[in-house]
Amino acid sequence: MEGIVRAGETFTWDRDTTESQARQMWFPKSPGRTFVAVEADGTILGTANSVRNHRGGAAHISGASFMVAPSHSGRGVGRALGEHVLEQARKDNFRAMQFNAVVETNTQAVALWRSLGFEVMTTLPEGFHHPVHGYVGLHIMYRRL
């Protein structure tokens, strides 16, 4: 996770997030959940978390975040985590899932989420300051469960 956060290309966390801060954000309180994809030899391939995205009258909307180790990108880890998180959100009686911040230049993730039924509901123009591309759009994506 550290390398992904420090790169600052796909996540909206501060690039100098400490391990303690990351643990607090990545391991949500119930009904939140954290998942880890692990190779048979114990190598961590990626991780995801699922949270209640809203409260009150919108508490039936879940949210999720994903990180896949760059060395394991393109091997189906993100898809497996995405499918698992969606299934668990259904079991947890959420009615929809919303991603609050998908960086538009993260085309691999955008394509994956679209293939899993998500739609871009809107894009915040220049909503993300990418360290290489400058200000780029930040998608809000959604799908019913």
Protein backbone atom coordinates (compact mmCIF):
# COMPACT_ATOMS: atom_id res chain seq x y z
CA MET A 1 0.00 0.00 0.00
CA GLU A 2 2.77 2.41 0.85
CA GLY A 3 4.12 2.62 -2.68
CA ILE A 4 0.66 3.29 -4.11
CA VAL A 5 -0.03 6.04 -1.58
CA ARG A 6 3.40 7.63 -2.01
CA ALA A 7 3.06 7.67 -5.82
CA GLY A 8 -0.06 9.81 -5.48
CA GLU A 9 -1.43 8.75 -8.88
CA THR A 10 -4.60 6.85 -8.00
CA PHE A 11 -5.53 7.53 -4.38
CA THR A 12 -6.86 10.67 -2.74
CA TRP A 13 -4.87 10.14 0.44
CA ASP A 14 -2.08 12.53 1.38
CA ARG A 15 1.17 11.18 -0.06
CA ASP A 16 2.80 11.42 3.38
CA THR A 17 0.09 9.34 5.12
CA THR A 18 1.66 7.44 8.01
CA GLU A 19 1.23 3.72 8.59
CA SER A 20 -0.90 4.47 11.65
CA GLN A 21 -3.18 6.79 9.65
CA ALA A 22 -3.43 4.24 6.84
CA ARG A 23 -4.45 1.50 9.27
CA GLN A 24 -7.20 3.71 10.71
CA MET A 25 -8.57 4.49 7.25
CA TRP A 26 -8.19 1.02 5.75
CA PHE A 27 -9.72 -0.99 8.59
CA PRO A 28 -13.19 0.53 9.03
CA LYS A 29 -15.46 -0.12 11.97
CA SER A 30 -18.43 -2.44 11.46
CA PRO A 31 -20.30 -2.71 9.15
CA GLY A 32 -17.10 -1.97 7.24
CA ARG A 33 -14.89 -4.82 6.12
CA THR A 34 -11.34 -5.25 4.85
CA PHE A 35 -10.26 -7.98 2.43
CA VAL A 36 -6.82 -9.17 1.36
CA ALA A 37 -5.96 -11.21 -1.75
CA VAL A 38 -3.11 -13.57 -0.94
CA GLU A 39 -1.06 -15.91 -3.14
CA ALA A 40 -0.70 -19.53 -1.98
CA ASP A 41 2.82 -18.72 -0.74
CA GLY A 42 1.51 -15.87 1.44
CA THR A 43 2.42 -13.01 -0.91
CA ILE A 44 -0.10 -10.18 -0.59
CA LEU A 45 -1.47 -9.34 -4.04
CA GLY A 46 -3.97 -6.65 -3.17
CA THR A 47 -6.50 -5.41 -0.67
CA ALA A 48 -9.90 -3.78 -0.59
CA ASN A 49 -12.26 -2.37 1.95
CA SER A 50 -15.99 -1.88 1.97
CA VAL A 51 -17.79 0.76 4.01
CA ARG A 52 -21.16 2.38 4.48
CA ASN A 53 -20.74 5.33 2.13
CA HIS A 54 -23.51 7.44 3.64
CA ARG A 55 -25.59 7.59 6.80
CA GLY A 56 -29.24 8.19 7.61
CA GLY A 57 -31.61 7.84 4.69
CA ALA A 58 -28.73 6.92 2.38
CA ALA A 59 -27.19 4.27 4.66
CA HIS A 60 -28.08 1.58 2.12
CA ILE A 61 -25.28 2.82 -0.19
CA SER A 62 -21.90 1.16 0.21
CA GLY A 63 -18.50 2.37 -0.89
CA ALA A 64 -15.22 0.59 -1.46
CA SER A 65 -11.53 1.19 -2.08
CA PHE A 66 -9.00 -1.06 -3.75
CA MET A 67 -5.23 -1.36 -4.01
CA VAL A 68 -3.43 -3.98 -6.07
CA ALA A 69 0.32 -4.41 -5.82
CA PRO A 70 1.76 -2.98 -9.07
CA SER A 71 3.82 -6.13 -9.54
CA HIS A 72 0.57 -8.13 -9.71
CA SER A 73 -1.40 -5.76 -11.93
CA GLY A 74 -3.16 -7.33 -14.90
CA ARG A 75 -3.50 -10.74 -13.27
CA GLY A 76 -7.18 -10.48 -12.28
CA VAL A 77 -6.55 -9.50 -8.65
CA GLY A 78 -8.61 -6.30 -8.91
CA ARG A 79 -11.45 -8.16 -10.61
CA ALA A 80 -11.46 -10.90 -7.96
CA LEU A 81 -11.45 -8.32 -5.17
CA GLY A 82 -14.16 -6.29 -6.93
CA GLU A 83 -16.43 -9.30 -7.41
CA HIS A 84 -15.90 -10.36 -3.81
CA VAL A 85 -16.64 -6.89 -2.41
CA LEU A 86 -19.80 -6.60 -4.53
CA GLU A 87 -21.05 -10.00 -3.36
CA GLN A 88 -20.33 -9.17 0.28
CA ALA A 89 -22.09 -5.80 -0.04
CA ARG A 90 -25.18 -7.64 -1.33
CA LYS A 91 -25.01 -10.06 1.60
CA ASP A 92 -24.70 -7.06 3.94
CA ASN A 93 -27.99 -5.77 2.48
CA PHE A 94 -26.62 -2.74 0.70
CA ARG A 95 -28.67 -1.75 -2.35
CA ALA A 96 -25.96 0.05 -4.32
CA MET A 97 -22.26 0.86 -4.36
CA GLN A 98 -20.74 4.27 -5.03
CA PHE A 99 -17.11 5.06 -5.69
CA ASN A 100 -16.48 8.65 -4.63
CA ALA A 101 -13.14 9.17 -6.32
CA VAL A 102 -11.83 7.24 -9.33
CA VAL A 103 -9.03 9.16 -11.01
CA GLU A 104 -9.87 9.40 -14.71
CA THR A 105 -6.26 8.69 -15.76
CA ASN A 106 -6.46 5.36 -13.92
CA THR A 107 -7.90 3.87 -17.10
CA GLN A 108 -7.31 0.27 -16.06
CA ALA A 109 -9.47 0.74 -12.94
CA VAL A 110 -12.14 2.69 -14.84
CA ALA A 111 -12.36 -0.10 -17.43
CA LEU A 112 -12.56 -2.76 -14.70
CA TRP A 113 -15.36 -0.98 -12.84
CA ARG A 114 -17.29 -0.42 -16.05
CA SER A 115 -16.95 -4.14 -16.87
CA LEU A 116 -18.41 -4.91 -13.43
CA GLY A 117 -21.46 -2.76 -14.13
CA PHE A 118 -20.44 0.64 -12.75
CA GLU A 119 -21.34 3.84 -14.56
CA VAL A 120 -19.62 7.19 -14.37
CA MET A 121 -22.32 9.38 -12.84
CA THR A 122 -20.28 12.57 -13.10
CA THR A 123 -16.72 13.76 -13.33
CA LEU A 124 -15.36 16.56 -11.19
CA PRO A 125 -13.23 18.54 -13.65
CA GLU A 126 -9.70 18.95 -12.35
CA GLY A 127 -10.78 17.19 -9.16
CA PHE A 128 -7.45 15.41 -8.71
CA HIS A 129 -3.93 16.77 -8.88
CA HIS A 130 -1.91 14.03 -10.53
CA PRO A 131 1.88 14.25 -10.02
CA VAL A 132 2.55 13.58 -13.73
CA HIS A 133 -0.55 14.74 -15.64
CA GLY A 134 -1.46 17.78 -13.54
CA TYR A 135 -5.11 18.43 -12.79
CA VAL A 136 -7.34 15.64 -14.10
CA GLY A 137 -10.94 14.60 -13.61
CA LEU A 138 -12.22 12.60 -10.68
CA HIS A 139 -15.08 10.20 -11.47
CA ILE A 140 -17.97 9.34 -9.20
CA MET A 141 -19.07 5.84 -10.21
CA TYR A 142 -22.18 3.88 -9.21
CA ARG A 143 -23.97 0.58 -9.64
CA ARG A 144 -27.03 -1.07 -8.15
CA LEU A 145 -26.57 -4.28 -6.28
